[in-house]
Amino acid sequence: QVQLVESGGGLVQAGGSLRLSCAASGRTFSSYAMGWFRQAPGKKREFVSAIDWSGDNAYYADSVKGRFTISRDNAKNTVYLQMNSLKPEDTAVYYCAADESRVGENQIDYNYWGQGTQVTVSS
């Protein structure tokens, strides 16, 4: 079992930055691929970014590519999402998730989820 707790959300003006953190506890964090997803009001949850267990391979949705950076620190059992040049359309609840088997953008592959952290970008 893995427990995930996100933090770092908040209110920011368009063009600003935030860094989300996801702290993991439980089984061996370094063996999991990690992902970030988001859900805006009235919309389905969507893929944002993912990183493999080693941190060597990262993937991004087209909508955030070049603005967001995912990273992980296996010694701290934490994955990060650095979000720069934020836009109002980035407003959503952001969730981190852990995948036991492989890195990817499909939500159904992720075994464990955090409770989410709200990010609000004002125009």
PDB file of N, CA and C in Angstrom:
ATOM      1  N   GLN A   1       0.844  -1.186   0.000  1.00  0.00           N
ATOM      2  CA  GLN A   1       0.000   0.000   0.000  1.00  0.00           C
ATOM      3  C   GLN A   1       0.886   1.245   0.000  1.00  0.00           C
ATOM      4  N   VAL A   2       0.458   2.238  -0.753  1.00  0.00           N
ATOM      5  CA  VAL A   2       1.182   3.515  -0.833  1.00  0.00           C
ATOM      6  C   VAL A   2       0.216   4.630  -0.502  1.00  0.00           C
ATOM      7  N   GLN A   3       0.628   5.517   0.355  1.00  0.00           N
ATOM      8  CA  GLN A   3      -0.158   6.705   0.659  1.00  0.00           C
ATOM      9  C   GLN A   3       0.517   7.908   0.013  1.00  0.00           C
ATOM     10  N   LEU A   4      -0.287   8.737  -0.641  1.00  0.00           N
ATOM     11  CA  LEU A   4       0.222   9.903  -1.355  1.00  0.00           C
ATOM     12  C   LEU A   4      -0.453  11.157  -0.825  1.00  0.00           C
ATOM     13  N   VAL A   5       0.356  12.172  -0.535  1.00  0.00           N
ATOM     14  CA  VAL A   5      -0.182  13.434  -0.032  1.00  0.00           C
ATOM     15  C   VAL A   5       0.407  14.576  -0.849  1.00  0.00           C
ATOM     16  N   GLU A   6      -0.474  15.295  -1.543  1.00  0.00           N
ATOM     17  CA  GLU A   6      -0.039  16.438  -2.346  1.00  0.00           C
ATOM     18  C   GLU A   6      -0.040  17.713  -1.500  1.00  0.00           C
ATOM     19  N   SER A   7       0.817  18.632  -1.896  1.00  0.00           N
ATOM     20  CA  SER A   7       0.858  19.948  -1.270  1.00  0.00           C
ATOM     21  C   SER A   7       1.412  20.943  -2.276  1.00  0.00           C
ATOM     22  N   GLY A   8       1.277  22.222  -1.942  1.00  0.00           N
ATOM     23  CA  GLY A   8       1.863  23.250  -2.778  1.00  0.00           C
ATOM     24  C   GLY A   8       0.890  24.005  -3.655  1.00  0.00           C
ATOM     25  N   GLY A   9      -0.360  23.580  -3.654  1.00  0.00           N
ATOM     26  CA  GLY A   9      -1.349  24.299  -4.440  1.00  0.00           C
ATOM     27  C   GLY A   9      -1.655  25.661  -3.846  1.00  0.00           C
ATOM     28  N   GLY A  10      -2.410  26.453  -4.596  1.00  0.00           N
ATOM     29  CA  GLY A  10      -2.782  27.780  -4.104  1.00  0.00           C
ATOM     30  C   GLY A  10      -3.300  28.651  -5.215  1.00  0.00           C
ATOM     31  N   LEU A  11      -3.380  29.937  -4.903  1.00  0.00           N
ATOM     32  CA  LEU A  11      -3.860  30.941  -5.848  1.00  0.00           C
ATOM     33  C   LEU A  11      -2.668  31.726  -6.381  1.00  0.00           C
ATOM     34  N   VAL A  12      -2.600  31.853  -7.692  1.00  0.00           N
ATOM     35  CA  VAL A  12      -1.492  32.564  -8.322  1.00  0.00           C
ATOM     36  C   VAL A  12      -2.021  33.322  -9.524  1.00  0.00           C
ATOM     37  N   GLN A  13      -1.370  34.425  -9.849  1.00  0.00           N
ATOM     38  CA  GLN A  13      -1.761  35.188 -11.031  1.00  0.00           C
ATOM     39  C   GLN A  13      -1.216  34.523 -12.293  1.00  0.00           C
ATOM     40  N   ALA A  14      -1.880  34.770 -13.387  1.00  0.00           N
ATOM     41  CA  ALA A  14      -1.414  34.267 -14.675  1.00  0.00           C
ATOM     42  C   ALA A  14       0.030  34.713 -14.905  1.00  0.00           C
ATOM     43  N   GLY A  15       0.833  33.786 -15.409  1.00  0.00           N
ATOM     44  CA  GLY A  15       2.248  34.049 -15.610  1.00  0.00           C
ATOM     45  C   GLY A  15       3.117  33.648 -14.446  1.00  0.00           C
ATOM     46  N   GLY A  16       2.500  33.348 -13.328  1.00  0.00           N
ATOM     47  CA  GLY A  16       3.237  32.981 -12.126  1.00  0.00           C
ATOM     48  C   GLY A  16       3.623  31.513 -12.111  1.00  0.00           C
ATOM     49  N   SER A  17       4.200  31.104 -10.980  1.00  0.00           N
ATOM     50  CA  SER A  17       4.709  29.748 -10.829  1.00  0.00           C
ATOM     51  C   SER A  17       4.240  29.140  -9.503  1.00  0.00           C
ATOM     52  N   LEU A  18       4.149  27.835  -9.514  1.00  0.00           N
ATOM     53  CA  LEU A  18       3.914  27.054  -8.304  1.00  0.00           C
ATOM     54  C   LEU A  18       4.694  25.758  -8.421  1.00  0.00           C
ATOM     55  N   ARG A  19       5.058  25.207  -7.279  1.00  0.00           N
ATOM     56  CA  ARG A  19       5.652  23.876  -7.274  1.00  0.00           C
ATOM     57  C   ARG A  19       4.820  22.965  -6.396  1.00  0.00           C
ATOM     58  N   LEU A  20       4.282  21.932  -7.000  1.00  0.00           N
ATOM     59  CA  LEU A  20       3.536  20.930  -6.266  1.00  0.00           C
ATOM     60  C   LEU A  20       4.475  19.829  -5.801  1.00  0.00           C
ATOM     61  N   SER A  21       4.174  19.310  -4.635  1.00  0.00           N
ATOM     62  CA  SER A  21       4.920  18.177  -4.096  1.00  0.00           C
ATOM     63  C   SER A  21       3.949  17.048  -3.797  1.00  0.00           C
ATOM     64  N   CYS A  22       4.446  15.841  -3.907  1.00  0.00           N
ATOM     65  CA  CYS A  22       3.652  14.660  -3.555  1.00  0.00           C
ATOM     66  C   CYS A  22       4.550  13.753  -2.730  1.00  0.00           C
ATOM     67  N   ALA A  23       4.244  13.650  -1.462  1.00  0.00           N
ATOM     68  CA  ALA A  23       5.023  12.816  -0.551  1.00  0.00           C
ATOM     69  C   ALA A  23       4.385  11.438  -0.457  1.00  0.00           C
ATOM     70  N   ALA A  24       5.221  10.429  -0.585  1.00  0.00           N
ATOM     71  CA  ALA A  24       4.734   9.051  -0.567  1.00  0.00           C
ATOM     72  C   ALA A  24       5.220   8.328   0.673  1.00  0.00           C
ATOM     73  N   SER A  25       4.381   7.478   1.175  1.00  0.00           N
ATOM     74  CA  SER A  25       4.776   6.611   2.293  1.00  0.00           C
ATOM     75  C   SER A  25       4.242   5.218   2.020  1.00  0.00           C
ATOM     76  N   GLY A  26       4.805   4.264   2.702  1.00  0.00           N
ATOM     77  CA  GLY A  26       4.368   2.898   2.494  1.00  0.00           C
ATOM     78  C   GLY A  26       5.455   2.085   1.821  1.00  0.00           C
ATOM     79  N   ARG A  27       5.085   1.399   0.771  1.00  0.00           N
ATOM     80  CA  ARG A  27       6.023   0.524   0.095  1.00  0.00           C
ATOM     81  C   ARG A  27       7.077   1.310  -0.666  1.00  0.00           C
ATOM     82  N   THR A  28       8.017   0.658  -1.249  1.00  0.00           N
ATOM     83  CA  THR A  28       9.188   1.275  -1.852  1.00  0.00           C
ATOM     84  C   THR A  28       8.808   2.254  -2.949  1.00  0.00           C
ATOM     85  N   PHE A  29       9.013   3.525  -2.664  1.00  0.00           N
ATOM     86  CA  PHE A  29       8.639   4.595  -3.587  1.00  0.00           C
ATOM     87  C   PHE A  29       9.415   4.495  -4.885  1.00  0.00           C
ATOM     88  N   SER A  30      10.680   4.168  -4.804  1.00  0.00           N
ATOM     89  CA  SER A  30      11.537   4.201  -5.985  1.00  0.00           C
ATOM     90  C   SER A  30      11.174   3.162  -7.032  1.00  0.00           C
ATOM     91  N   SER A  31      10.312   2.230  -6.700  1.00  0.00           N
ATOM     92  CA  SER A  31       9.931   1.214  -7.673  1.00  0.00           C
ATOM     93  C   SER A  31       8.710   1.620  -8.489  1.00  0.00           C
ATOM     94  N   TYR A  32       8.098   2.758  -8.153  1.00  0.00           N
ATOM     95  CA  TYR A  32       6.871   3.190  -8.806  1.00  0.00           C
ATOM     96  C   TYR A  32       7.120   4.279  -9.839  1.00  0.00           C
ATOM     97  N   ALA A  33       6.430   4.165 -10.945  1.00  0.00           N
ATOM     98  CA  ALA A  33       6.284   5.316 -11.821  1.00  0.00           C
ATOM     99  C   ALA A  33       5.275   6.258 -11.175  1.00  0.00           C
ATOM    100  N   MET A  34       5.462   7.555 -11.398  1.00  0.00           N
ATOM    101  CA  MET A  34       4.586   8.538 -10.773  1.00  0.00           C
ATOM    102  C   MET A  34       3.981   9.442 -11.834  1.00  0.00           C
ATOM    103  N   GLY A  35       2.760   9.847 -11.587  1.00  0.00           N
ATOM    104  CA  GLY A  35       2.092  10.727 -12.538  1.00  0.00           C
ATOM    105  C   GLY A  35       1.363  11.856 -11.847  1.00  0.00           C
ATOM    106  N   TRP A  36       1.145  12.914 -12.593  1.00  0.00           N
ATOM    107  CA  TRP A  36       0.293  14.022 -12.170  1.00  0.00           C
ATOM    108  C   TRP A  36      -0.886  14.115 -13.135  1.00  0.00           C
ATOM    109  N   PHE A  37      -2.059  14.280 -12.569  1.00  0.00           N
ATOM    110  CA  PHE A  37      -3.278  14.463 -13.332  1.00  0.00           C
ATOM    111  C   PHE A  37      -4.006  15.673 -12.778  1.00  0.00           C
ATOM    112  N   ARG A  38      -4.965  16.182 -13.511  1.00  0.00           N
ATOM    113  CA  ARG A  38      -5.740  17.319 -13.022  1.00  0.00           C
ATOM    114  C   ARG A  38      -7.177  17.217 -13.491  1.00  0.00           C
ATOM    115  N   GLN A  39      -8.042  17.836 -12.703  1.00  0.00           N
ATOM    116  CA  GLN A  39      -9.456  17.881 -13.049  1.00  0.00           C
ATOM    117  C   GLN A  39      -9.985  19.281 -12.821  1.00  0.00           C
ATOM    118  N   ALA A  40     -10.406  19.898 -13.900  1.00  0.00           N
ATOM    119  CA  ALA A  40     -11.005  21.227 -13.829  1.00  0.00           C
ATOM    120  C   ALA A  40     -12.506  21.084 -13.600  1.00  0.00           C
ATOM    121  N   PRO A  41     -13.153  22.124 -13.073  1.00  0.00           N
ATOM    122  CA  PRO A  41     -14.596  22.050 -12.830  1.00  0.00           C
ATOM    123  C   PRO A  41     -15.360  21.703 -14.091  1.00  0.00           C
ATOM    124  N   GLY A  42     -16.204  20.699 -13.998  1.00  0.00           N
ATOM    125  CA  GLY A  42     -17.038  20.312 -15.117  1.00  0.00           C
ATOM    126  C   GLY A  42     -16.334  19.512 -16.190  1.00  0.00           C
ATOM    127  N   LYS A  43     -15.079  19.150 -15.943  1.00  0.00           N
ATOM    128  CA  LYS A  43     -14.324  18.405 -16.950  1.00  0.00           C
ATOM    129  C   LYS A  43     -13.830  17.087 -16.377  1.00  0.00           C
ATOM    130  N   LYS A  44     -13.451  16.196 -17.267  1.00  0.00           N
ATOM    131  CA  LYS A  44     -12.896  14.923 -16.846  1.00  0.00           C
ATOM    132  C   LYS A  44     -11.454  15.118 -16.378  1.00  0.00           C
ATOM    133  N   ARG A  45     -11.024  14.215 -15.524  1.00  0.00           N
ATOM    134  CA  ARG A  45      -9.634  14.245 -15.091  1.00  0.00           C
ATOM    135  C   ARG A  45      -8.738  13.913 -16.274  1.00  0.00           C
ATOM    136  N   GLU A  46      -7.625  14.642 -16.389  1.00  0.00           N
ATOM    137  CA  GLU A  46      -6.744  14.464 -17.535  1.00  0.00           C
ATOM    138  C   GLU A  46      -5.290  14.315 -17.111  1.00  0.00           C
ATOM    139  N   PHE A  47      -4.526  13.688 -17.965  1.00  0.00           N
ATOM    140  CA  PHE A  47      -3.107  13.492 -17.748  1.00  0.00           C
ATOM    141  C   PHE A  47      -2.364  14.816 -17.864  1.00  0.00           C
ATOM    142  N   VAL A  48      -1.381  15.013 -16.984  1.00  0.00           N
ATOM    143  CA  VAL A  48      -0.524  16.189 -17.045  1.00  0.00           C
ATOM    144  C   VAL A  48       0.917  15.780 -17.333  1.00  0.00           C
ATOM    145  N   SER A  49       1.443  14.883 -16.509  1.00  0.00           N
ATOM    146  CA  SER A  49       2.851  14.526 -16.638  1.00  0.00           C
ATOM    147  C   SER A  49       3.108  13.218 -15.912  1.00  0.00           C
ATOM    148  N   ALA A  50       4.172  12.525 -16.301  1.00  0.00           N
ATOM    149  CA  ALA A  50       4.554  11.287 -15.636  1.00  0.00           C
ATOM    150  C   ALA A  50       6.063  11.120 -15.708  1.00  0.00           C
ATOM    151  N   ILE A  51       6.572  10.342 -14.769  1.00  0.00           N
ATOM    152  CA  ILE A  51       8.012  10.107 -14.704  1.00  0.00           C
ATOM    153  C   ILE A  51       8.258   8.662 -14.301  1.00  0.00           C
ATOM    154  N   ASP A  52       9.281   8.057 -14.888  1.00  0.00           N
ATOM    155  CA  ASP A  52       9.530   6.657 -14.565  1.00  0.00           C
ATOM    156  C   ASP A  52      10.228   6.545 -13.212  1.00  0.00           C
ATOM    157  N   TRP A  53      10.463   5.319 -12.787  1.00  0.00           N
ATOM    158  CA  TRP A  53      10.966   5.078 -11.448  1.00  0.00           C
ATOM    159  C   TRP A  53      12.339   5.722 -11.216  1.00  0.00           C
ATOM    160  N   SER A  54      13.156   5.776 -12.285  1.00  0.00           N
ATOM    161  CA  SER A  54      14.513   6.293 -12.141  1.00  0.00           C
ATOM    162  C   SER A  54      14.584   7.805 -12.237  1.00  0.00           C
ATOM    163  N   GLY A  55      13.562   8.402 -12.816  1.00  0.00           N
ATOM    164  CA  GLY A  55      13.597   9.833 -13.067  1.00  0.00           C
ATOM    165  C   GLY A  55      14.227  10.191 -14.392  1.00  0.00           C
ATOM    166  N   ASP A  56      14.656   9.202 -15.144  1.00  0.00           N
ATOM    167  CA  ASP A  56      15.357   9.457 -16.398  1.00  0.00           C
ATOM    168  C   ASP A  56      14.409   9.795 -17.553  1.00  0.00           C
ATOM    169  N   ASN A  57      13.163   9.383 -17.435  1.00  0.00           N
ATOM    170  CA  ASN A  57      12.208   9.576 -18.527  1.00  0.00           C
ATOM    171  C   ASN A  57      10.965  10.272 -18.014  1.00  0.00           C
ATOM    172  N   ALA A  58      10.627  11.363 -18.665  1.00  0.00           N
ATOM    173  CA  ALA A  58       9.461  12.153 -18.279  1.00  0.00           C
ATOM    174  C   ALA A  58       8.572  12.389 -19.489  1.00  0.00           C
ATOM    175  N   TYR A  59       7.296  12.532 -19.229  1.00  0.00           N
ATOM    176  CA  TYR A  59       6.312  12.693 -20.295  1.00  0.00           C
ATOM    177  C   TYR A  59       5.361  13.815 -19.903  1.00  0.00           C
ATOM    178  N   TYR A  60       4.863  14.516 -20.920  1.00  0.00           N
ATOM    179  CA  TYR A  60       4.014  15.667 -20.664  1.00  0.00           C
ATOM    180  C   TYR A  60       2.848  15.709 -21.641  1.00  0.00           C
ATOM    181  N   ALA A  61       1.736  16.229 -21.160  1.00  0.00           N
ATOM    182  CA  ALA A  61       0.641  16.570 -22.053  1.00  0.00           C
ATOM    183  C   ALA A  61       1.075  17.760 -22.905  1.00  0.00           C
ATOM    184  N   ASP A  62       0.561  17.827 -24.114  1.00  0.00           N
ATOM    185  CA  ASP A  62       0.936  18.926 -25.010  1.00  0.00           C
ATOM    186  C   ASP A  62       0.605  20.289 -24.401  1.00  0.00           C
ATOM    187  N   SER A  63      -0.452  20.326 -23.618  1.00  0.00           N
ATOM    188  CA  SER A  63      -0.908  21.600 -23.073  1.00  0.00           C
ATOM    189  C   SER A  63       0.048  22.192 -22.036  1.00  0.00           C
ATOM    190  N   VAL A  64       0.938  21.362 -21.481  1.00  0.00           N
ATOM    191  CA  VAL A  64       1.850  21.860 -20.448  1.00  0.00           C
ATOM    192  C   VAL A  64       3.312  21.756 -20.861  1.00  0.00           C
ATOM    193  N   LYS A  65       3.556  21.159 -21.989  1.00  0.00           N
ATOM    194  CA  LYS A  65       4.925  20.952 -22.437  1.00  0.00           C
ATOM    195  C   LYS A  65       5.653  22.296 -22.572  1.00  0.00           C
ATOM    196  N   GLY A  66       6.848  22.351 -22.031  1.00  0.00           N
ATOM    197  CA  GLY A  66       7.633  23.583 -22.057  1.00  0.00           C
ATOM    198  C   GLY A  66       7.359  24.511 -20.893  1.00  0.00           C
ATOM    199  N   ARG A  67       6.286  24.249 -20.139  1.00  0.00           N
ATOM    200  CA  ARG A  67       5.952  25.103 -18.987  1.00  0.00           C
ATOM    201  C   ARG A  67       6.082  24.351 -17.666  1.00  0.00           C
ATOM    202  N   PHE A  68       5.775  23.063 -17.679  1.00  0.00           N
ATOM    203  CA  PHE A  68       5.802  22.251 -16.464  1.00  0.00           C
ATOM    204  C   PHE A  68       6.993  21.298 -16.516  1.00  0.00           C
ATOM    205  N   THR A  69       7.542  21.003 -15.351  1.00  0.00           N
ATOM    206  CA  THR A  69       8.633  20.040 -15.240  1.00  0.00           C
ATOM    207  C   THR A  69       8.366  19.099 -14.078  1.00  0.00           C
ATOM    208  N   ILE A  70       8.394  17.812 -14.360  1.00  0.00           N
ATOM    209  CA  ILE A  70       8.230  16.799 -13.317  1.00  0.00           C
ATOM    210  C   ILE A  70       9.603  16.299 -12.898  1.00  0.00           C
ATOM    211  N   SER A  71       9.747  16.016 -11.628  1.00  0.00           N
ATOM    212  CA  SER A  71      10.997  15.460 -11.120  1.00  0.00           C
ATOM    213  C   SER A  71      10.687  14.628  -9.884  1.00  0.00           C
ATOM    214  N   ARG A  72      11.662  13.880  -9.445  1.00  0.00           N
ATOM    215  CA  ARG A  72      11.456  13.069  -8.247  1.00  0.00           C
ATOM    216  C   ARG A  72      12.752  12.976  -7.466  1.00  0.00           C
ATOM    217  N   ASP A  73      12.592  12.803  -6.173  1.00  0.00           N
ATOM    218  CA  ASP A  73      13.717  12.575  -5.280  1.00  0.00           C
ATOM    219  C   ASP A  73      13.410  11.295  -4.517  1.00  0.00           C
ATOM    220  N   ASN A  74      13.998  10.214  -4.943  1.00  0.00           N
ATOM    221  CA  ASN A  74      13.681   8.920  -4.335  1.00  0.00           C
ATOM    222  C   ASN A  74      14.182   8.834  -2.891  1.00  0.00           C
ATOM    223  N   ALA A  75      15.206   9.590  -2.568  1.00  0.00           N
ATOM    224  CA  ALA A  75      15.690   9.597  -1.188  1.00  0.00           C
ATOM    225  C   ALA A  75      14.689  10.248  -0.248  1.00  0.00           C
ATOM    226  N   LYS A  76      13.874  11.156  -0.790  1.00  0.00           N
ATOM    227  CA  LYS A  76      12.861  11.848   0.007  1.00  0.00           C
ATOM    228  C   LYS A  76      11.462  11.314  -0.236  1.00  0.00           C
ATOM    229  N   ASN A  77      11.345  10.303  -1.066  1.00  0.00           N
ATOM    230  CA  ASN A  77      10.025   9.730  -1.385  1.00  0.00           C
ATOM    231  C   ASN A  77       9.057  10.804  -1.868  1.00  0.00           C
ATOM    232  N   THR A  78       9.536  11.668  -2.734  1.00  0.00           N
ATOM    233  CA  THR A  78       8.720  12.795  -3.162  1.00  0.00           C
ATOM    234  C   THR A  78       8.851  13.006  -4.667  1.00  0.00           C
ATOM    235  N   VAL A  79       7.736  13.348  -5.281  1.00  0.00           N
ATOM    236  CA  VAL A  79       7.716  13.753  -6.681  1.00  0.00           C
ATOM    237  C   VAL A  79       7.216  15.186  -6.738  1.00  0.00           C
ATOM    238  N   TYR A  80       7.746  15.941  -7.675  1.00  0.00           N
ATOM    239  CA  TYR A  80       7.442  17.363  -7.783  1.00  0.00           C
ATOM    240  C   TYR A  80       6.860  17.682  -9.157  1.00  0.00           C
ATOM    241  N   LEU A  81       6.115  18.761  -9.193  1.00  0.00           N
ATOM    242  CA  LEU A  81       5.669  19.312 -10.462  1.00  0.00           C
ATOM    243  C   LEU A  81       5.893  20.820 -10.399  1.00  0.00           C
ATOM    244  N   GLN A  82       6.916  21.271 -11.098  1.00  0.00           N
ATOM    245  CA  GLN A  82       7.194  22.697 -11.205  1.00  0.00           C
ATOM    246  C   GLN A  82       6.353  23.263 -12.335  1.00  0.00           C
ATOM    247  N   MET A  83       5.527  24.238 -12.008  1.00  0.00           N
ATOM    248  CA  MET A  83       4.615  24.809 -12.990  1.00  0.00           C
ATOM    249  C   MET A  83       4.959  26.277 -13.189  1.00  0.00           C
ATOM    250  N   ASN A  84       5.388  26.614 -14.378  1.00  0.00           N
ATOM    251  CA  ASN A  84       5.739  27.985 -14.729  1.00  0.00           C
ATOM    252  C   ASN A  84       4.784  28.527 -15.787  1.00  0.00           C
ATOM    253  N   SER A  85       4.796  29.829 -15.949  1.00  0.00           N
ATOM    254  CA  SER A  85       3.953  30.488 -16.958  1.00  0.00           C
ATOM    255  C   SER A  85       2.515  29.997 -16.873  1.00  0.00           C
ATOM    256  N   LEU A  86       1.983  29.984 -15.685  1.00  0.00           N
ATOM    257  CA  LEU A  86       0.643  29.449 -15.468  1.00  0.00           C
ATOM    258  C   LEU A  86      -0.408  30.274 -16.176  1.00  0.00           C
ATOM    259  N   LYS A  87      -1.435  29.572 -16.636  1.00  0.00           N
ATOM    260  CA  LYS A  87      -2.542  30.184 -17.353  1.00  0.00           C
ATOM    261  C   LYS A  87      -3.844  29.906 -16.596  1.00  0.00           C
ATOM    262  N   PRO A  88      -4.845  30.727 -16.798  1.00  0.00           N
ATOM    263  CA  PRO A  88      -6.140  30.450 -16.135  1.00  0.00           C
ATOM    264  C   PRO A  88      -6.673  29.052 -16.452  1.00  0.00           C
ATOM    265  N   GLU A  89      -6.404  28.547 -17.620  1.00  0.00           N
ATOM    266  CA  GLU A  89      -6.885  27.208 -17.987  1.00  0.00           C
ATOM    267  C   GLU A  89      -6.138  26.091 -17.262  1.00  0.00           C
ATOM    268  N   ASP A  90      -5.105  26.424 -16.511  1.00  0.00           N
ATOM    269  CA  ASP A  90      -4.444  25.432 -15.669  1.00  0.00           C
ATOM    270  C   ASP A  90      -5.167  25.245 -14.336  1.00  0.00           C
ATOM    271  N   THR A  91      -6.164  26.055 -14.081  1.00  0.00           N
ATOM    272  CA  THR A  91      -6.927  25.937 -12.846  1.00  0.00           C
ATOM    273  C   THR A  91      -7.594  24.570 -12.758  1.00  0.00           C
ATOM    274  N   ALA A  92      -7.320  23.858 -11.665  1.00  0.00           N
ATOM    275  CA  ALA A  92      -7.842  22.503 -11.501  1.00  0.00           C
ATOM    276  C   ALA A  92      -7.407  21.967 -10.147  1.00  0.00           C
ATOM    277  N   VAL A  93      -7.985  20.839  -9.788  1.00  0.00           N
ATOM    278  CA  VAL A  93      -7.440  20.053  -8.694  1.00  0.00           C
ATOM    279  C   VAL A  93      -6.389  19.128  -9.294  1.00  0.00           C
ATOM    280  N   TYR A  94      -5.205  19.143  -8.705  1.00  0.00           N
ATOM    281  CA  TYR A  94      -4.095  18.342  -9.209  1.00  0.00           C
ATOM    282  C   TYR A  94      -3.892  17.131  -8.303  1.00  0.00           C
ATOM    283  N   TYR A  95      -3.798  15.973  -8.928  1.00  0.00           N
ATOM    284  CA  TYR A  95      -3.631  14.719  -8.216  1.00  0.00           C
ATOM    285  C   TYR A  95      -2.312  14.062  -8.609  1.00  0.00           C
ATOM    286  N   CYS A  96      -1.637  13.480  -7.638  1.00  0.00           N
ATOM    287  CA  CYS A  96      -0.522  12.610  -8.001  1.00  0.00           C
ATOM    288  C   CYS A  96      -0.971  11.160  -7.851  1.00  0.00           C
ATOM    289  N   ALA A  97      -0.304  10.301  -8.577  1.00  0.00           N
ATOM    290  CA  ALA A  97      -0.674   8.897  -8.602  1.00  0.00           C
ATOM    291  C   ALA A  97       0.571   8.042  -8.790  1.00  0.00           C
ATOM    292  N   ALA A  98       0.484   6.800  -8.326  1.00  0.00           N
ATOM    293  CA  ALA A  98       1.598   5.860  -8.416  1.00  0.00           C
ATOM    294  C   ALA A  98       1.191   4.637  -9.223  1.00  0.00           C
ATOM    295  N   ASP A  99       2.088   4.210 -10.078  1.00  0.00           N
ATOM    296  CA  ASP A  99       1.838   3.062 -10.949  1.00  0.00           C
ATOM    297  C   ASP A  99       2.889   1.998 -10.654  1.00  0.00           C
ATOM    298  N   GLU A 100       2.422   0.827 -10.291  1.00  0.00           N
ATOM    299  CA  GLU A 100       3.349  -0.254  -9.925  1.00  0.00           C
ATOM    300  C   GLU A 100       4.104  -0.818 -11.115  1.00  0.00           C
ATOM    301  N   SER A 101       3.525  -0.687 -12.312  1.00  0.00           N
ATOM    302  CA  SER A 101       4.082  -1.472 -13.407  1.00  0.00           C
ATOM    303  C   SER A 101       4.844  -0.651 -14.442  1.00  0.00           C
ATOM    304  N   ARG A 102       4.274   0.481 -14.870  1.00  0.00           N
ATOM    305  CA  ARG A 102       4.927   1.198 -15.962  1.00  0.00           C
ATOM    306  C   ARG A 102       4.518   2.659 -15.938  1.00  0.00           C
ATOM    307  N   VAL A 103       5.286   3.483 -16.591  1.00  0.00           N
ATOM    308  CA  VAL A 103       4.964   4.896 -16.683  1.00  0.00           C
ATOM    309  C   VAL A 103       4.053   5.113 -17.888  1.00  0.00           C
ATOM    310  N   GLY A 104       3.077   5.990 -17.725  1.00  0.00           N
ATOM    311  CA  GLY A 104       2.179   6.244 -18.835  1.00  0.00           C
ATOM    312  C   GLY A 104       1.157   7.299 -18.502  1.00  0.00           C
ATOM    313  N   GLU A 105       0.270   7.566 -19.443  1.00  0.00           N
ATOM    314  CA  GLU A 105      -0.740   8.600 -19.267  1.00  0.00           C
ATOM    315  C   GLU A 105      -2.137   8.057 -19.035  1.00  0.00           C
ATOM    316  N   ASN A 106      -2.273   6.750 -18.928  1.00  0.00           N
ATOM    317  CA  ASN A 106      -3.602   6.175 -18.734  1.00  0.00           C
ATOM    318  C   ASN A 106      -3.930   6.070 -17.248  1.00  0.00           C
ATOM    319  N   GLN A 107      -4.990   6.721 -16.856  1.00  0.00           N
ATOM    320  CA  GLN A 107      -5.355   6.769 -15.447  1.00  0.00           C
ATOM    321  C   GLN A 107      -5.635   5.385 -14.880  1.00  0.00           C
ATOM    322  N   ILE A 108      -6.201   4.518 -15.702  1.00  0.00           N
ATOM    323  CA  ILE A 108      -6.590   3.205 -15.192  1.00  0.00           C
ATOM    324  C   ILE A 108      -5.383   2.364 -14.786  1.00  0.00           C
ATOM    325  N   ASP A 109      -4.208   2.718 -15.259  1.00  0.00           N
ATOM    326  CA  ASP A 109      -3.007   1.956 -14.917  1.00  0.00           C
ATOM    327  C   ASP A 109      -2.454   2.317 -13.543  1.00  0.00           C
ATOM    328  N   TYR A 110      -2.899   3.439 -12.986  1.00  0.00           N
ATOM    329  CA  TYR A 110      -2.353   3.904 -11.718  1.00  0.00           C
ATOM    330  C   TYR A 110      -3.087   3.267 -10.548  1.00  0.00           C
ATOM    331  N   ASN A 111      -2.304   2.778  -9.606  1.00  0.00           N
ATOM    332  CA  ASN A 111      -2.853   1.977  -8.514  1.00  0.00           C
ATOM    333  C   ASN A 111      -3.234   2.808  -7.285  1.00  0.00           C
ATOM    334  N   TYR A 112      -2.519   3.898  -7.065  1.00  0.00           N
ATOM    335  CA  TYR A 112      -2.723   4.688  -5.852  1.00  0.00           C
ATOM    336  C   TYR A 112      -2.830   6.164  -6.219  1.00  0.00           C
ATOM    337  N   TRP A 113      -3.699   6.860  -5.471  1.00  0.00           N
ATOM    338  CA  TRP A 113      -3.975   8.267  -5.751  1.00  0.00           C
ATOM    339  C   TRP A 113      -3.947   9.073  -4.466  1.00  0.00           C
ATOM    340  N   GLY A 114      -3.503  10.327  -4.606  1.00  0.00           N
ATOM    341  CA  GLY A 114      -3.606  11.264  -3.509  1.00  0.00           C
ATOM    342  C   GLY A 114      -4.977  11.918  -3.489  1.00  0.00           C
ATOM    343  N   GLN A 115      -5.155  12.807  -2.532  1.00  0.00           N
ATOM    344  CA  GLN A 115      -6.463  13.450  -2.354  1.00  0.00           C
ATOM    345  C   GLN A 115      -6.614  14.704  -3.197  1.00  0.00           C
ATOM    346  N   GLY A 116      -5.532  15.190  -3.748  1.00  0.00           N
ATOM    347  CA  GLY A 116      -5.576  16.346  -4.628  1.00  0.00           C
ATOM    348  C   GLY A 116      -5.243  17.648  -3.933  1.00  0.00           C
ATOM    349  N   THR A 117      -4.760  18.603  -4.709  1.00  0.00           N
ATOM    350  CA  THR A 117      -4.483  19.947  -4.218  1.00  0.00           C
ATOM    351  C   THR A 117      -4.980  20.945  -5.250  1.00  0.00           C
ATOM    352  N   GLN A 118      -5.634  21.992  -4.779  1.00  0.00           N
ATOM    353  CA  GLN A 118      -6.267  22.957  -5.674  1.00  0.00           C
ATOM    354  C   GLN A 118      -5.246  23.968  -6.181  1.00  0.00           C
ATOM    355  N   VAL A 119      -5.251  24.176  -7.475  1.00  0.00           N
ATOM    356  CA  VAL A 119      -4.470  25.234  -8.110  1.00  0.00           C
ATOM    357  C   VAL A 119      -5.442  26.167  -8.817  1.00  0.00           C
ATOM    358  N   THR A 120      -5.372  27.437  -8.474  1.00  0.00           N
ATOM    359  CA  THR A 120      -6.231  28.434  -9.087  1.00  0.00           C
ATOM    360  C   THR A 120      -5.361  29.525  -9.685  1.00  0.00           C
ATOM    361  N   VAL A 121      -5.549  29.779 -10.972  1.00  0.00           N
ATOM    362  CA  VAL A 121      -4.775  30.794 -11.673  1.00  0.00           C
ATOM    363  C   VAL A 121      -5.727  31.909 -12.083  1.00  0.00           C
ATOM    364  N   SER A 122      -5.486  33.100 -11.574  1.00  0.00           N
ATOM    365  CA  SER A 122      -6.351  34.236 -11.879  1.00  0.00           C
ATOM    366  C   SER A 122      -5.805  35.004 -13.087  1.00  0.00           C
ATOM    367  N   SER A 123      -6.722  35.581 -13.820  1.00  0.00           N
ATOM    368  CA  SER A 123      -6.316  36.315 -15.034  1.00  0.00           C
ATOM    369  C   SER A 123      -6.050  37.782 -14.735  1.00  0.00           C
TER     370      SER A 123
END
